[in-house]
Amino acid sequence: MSLTLAGLVCGEKGRVVNIVGGRGAVMKLMAMGIVPGKEVKVEGRRGGAMLISVNGTKFVIGRGLAMKVIVDVGKEG
């Protein structure tokens, strides 16, 4: 099942499928290591900000940027 990174709840993981946005947003996300195929985990949320981890590194991104990241949250079993 695919949804945006902003749709994940705290503790949930997803694999990046696509990034939909302008060149600036795409470059910013890619610089953080948020690229198709990578697993992203939501570590926490506060208001519009999200604390996420990618490759063991934590970042804070806003809801607007998180809405541009399409993730697959395939359920096991």
C-alpha atoms as a PDB file:
ATOM      1  CA  MET A   1       0.000   0.000   0.000  1.00  0.00           C
ATOM      2  CA  SER A   2       1.395   3.386  -0.986  1.00  0.00           C
ATOM      3  CA  LEU A   3       0.871   6.688   0.780  1.00  0.00           C
ATOM      4  CA  THR A   4       2.844   9.810   1.594  1.00  0.00           C
ATOM      5  CA  LEU A   5       5.475   9.917   4.304  1.00  0.00           C
ATOM      6  CA  ALA A   6       3.242  12.415   6.135  1.00  0.00           C
ATOM      7  CA  GLY A   7       0.598   9.674   6.424  1.00  0.00           C
ATOM      8  CA  LEU A   8       2.790   7.376   8.516  1.00  0.00           C
ATOM      9  CA  VAL A   9       2.372   7.210  12.278  1.00  0.00           C
ATOM     10  CA  CYS A  10       5.132   7.308  14.864  1.00  0.00           C
ATOM     11  CA  GLY A  11       7.205   4.110  14.765  1.00  0.00           C
ATOM     12  CA  GLU A  12       6.023   3.132  11.294  1.00  0.00           C
ATOM     13  CA  LYS A  13       8.424   2.365   8.431  1.00  0.00           C
ATOM     14  CA  GLY A  14       8.054   2.705   4.703  1.00  0.00           C
ATOM     15  CA  ARG A  15      10.171   2.179   1.605  1.00  0.00           C
ATOM     16  CA  VAL A  16      10.491   5.226  -0.649  1.00  0.00           C
ATOM     17  CA  VAL A  17       8.812   4.603  -4.003  1.00  0.00           C
ATOM     18  CA  ASN A  18       8.844   8.075  -5.548  1.00  0.00           C
ATOM     19  CA  ILE A  19       9.364  11.764  -4.837  1.00  0.00           C
ATOM     20  CA  VAL A  20       6.853  14.121  -6.418  1.00  0.00           C
ATOM     21  CA  GLY A  21       7.859  17.740  -6.343  1.00  0.00           C
ATOM     22  CA  GLY A  22       9.961  20.461  -7.868  1.00  0.00           C
ATOM     23  CA  ARG A  23      13.662  20.187  -8.444  1.00  0.00           C
ATOM     24  CA  GLY A  24      14.543  21.995  -5.204  1.00  0.00           C
ATOM     25  CA  ALA A  25      12.446  19.685  -3.028  1.00  0.00           C
ATOM     26  CA  VAL A  26      13.746  16.581  -4.796  1.00  0.00           C
ATOM     27  CA  MET A  27      17.377  17.693  -4.416  1.00  0.00           C
ATOM     28  CA  LYS A  28      16.888  18.527  -0.721  1.00  0.00           C
ATOM     29  CA  LEU A  29      15.323  15.132   0.010  1.00  0.00           C
ATOM     30  CA  MET A  30      17.971  13.275  -2.000  1.00  0.00           C
ATOM     31  CA  ALA A  31      20.716  15.106  -0.080  1.00  0.00           C
ATOM     32  CA  MET A  32      19.218  13.619   3.114  1.00  0.00           C
ATOM     33  CA  GLY A  33      19.381  10.143   1.599  1.00  0.00           C
ATOM     34  CA  ILE A  34      15.637   9.967   0.946  1.00  0.00           C
ATOM     35  CA  VAL A  35      15.776   8.239  -2.424  1.00  0.00           C
ATOM     36  CA  PRO A  36      13.672   5.507  -4.054  1.00  0.00           C
ATOM     37  CA  GLY A  37      14.406   2.112  -2.489  1.00  0.00           C
ATOM     38  CA  LYS A  38      15.487   3.462   0.910  1.00  0.00           C
ATOM     39  CA  GLU A  39      13.622   2.627   4.100  1.00  0.00           C
ATOM     40  CA  VAL A  40      12.433   5.588   6.171  1.00  0.00           C
ATOM     41  CA  LYS A  41      11.139   5.390   9.742  1.00  0.00           C
ATOM     42  CA  VAL A  42       9.039   7.994  11.532  1.00  0.00           C
ATOM     43  CA  GLU A  43      10.643   8.513  14.943  1.00  0.00           C
ATOM     44  CA  GLY A  44       8.324  11.251  16.196  1.00  0.00           C
ATOM     45  CA  ARG A  45       5.914  14.049  15.307  1.00  0.00           C
ATOM     46  CA  ARG A  46       5.209  17.478  16.723  1.00  0.00           C
ATOM     47  CA  GLY A  47       2.747  19.743  14.974  1.00  0.00           C
ATOM     48  CA  GLY A  48       3.692  19.836  11.311  1.00  0.00           C
ATOM     49  CA  ALA A  49       7.252  18.625  11.872  1.00  0.00           C
ATOM     50  CA  MET A  50       8.341  15.001  11.631  1.00  0.00           C
ATOM     51  CA  LEU A  51      11.460  13.360  13.032  1.00  0.00           C
ATOM     52  CA  ILE A  52      12.527  10.654  10.604  1.00  0.00           C
ATOM     53  CA  SER A  53      15.500   8.329  10.315  1.00  0.00           C
ATOM     54  CA  VAL A  54      17.212   7.187   7.131  1.00  0.00           C
ATOM     55  CA  ASN A  55      20.320   4.977   7.202  1.00  0.00           C
ATOM     56  CA  GLY A  56      20.546   5.532  10.972  1.00  0.00           C
ATOM     57  CA  THR A  57      20.648   9.334  10.622  1.00  0.00           C
ATOM     58  CA  LYS A  58      17.785  11.417  12.012  1.00  0.00           C
ATOM     59  CA  PHE A  59      16.305  14.461  10.285  1.00  0.00           C
ATOM     60  CA  VAL A  60      13.426  16.823  10.971  1.00  0.00           C
ATOM     61  CA  ILE A  61      11.308  17.694   7.949  1.00  0.00           C
ATOM     62  CA  GLY A  62       8.123  19.682   7.587  1.00  0.00           C
ATOM     63  CA  ARG A  63       4.770  18.259   6.581  1.00  0.00           C
ATOM     64  CA  GLY A  64       4.943  19.896   3.146  1.00  0.00           C
ATOM     65  CA  LEU A  65       8.168  18.091   2.282  1.00  0.00           C
ATOM     66  CA  ALA A  66       6.877  14.830   3.777  1.00  0.00           C
ATOM     67  CA  MET A  67       3.814  15.059   1.502  1.00  0.00           C
ATOM     68  CA  LYS A  68       6.121  14.854  -1.533  1.00  0.00           C
ATOM     69  CA  VAL A  69       7.586  11.481  -0.516  1.00  0.00           C
ATOM     70  CA  ILE A  70       5.558   8.441  -1.655  1.00  0.00           C
ATOM     71  CA  VAL A  71       6.297   5.345   0.451  1.00  0.00           C
ATOM     72  CA  ASP A  72       5.214   1.717   0.320  1.00  0.00           C
ATOM     73  CA  VAL A  73       4.167   0.265   3.669  1.00  0.00           C
ATOM     74  CA  GLY A  74       3.626  -3.331   2.596  1.00  0.00           C
ATOM     75  CA  LYS A  75       2.266  -5.288   5.535  1.00  0.00           C
ATOM     76  CA  GLU A  76       3.862  -8.607   6.423  1.00  0.00           C
ATOM     77  CA  GLY A  77       1.726 -11.707   6.677  1.00  0.00           C
END
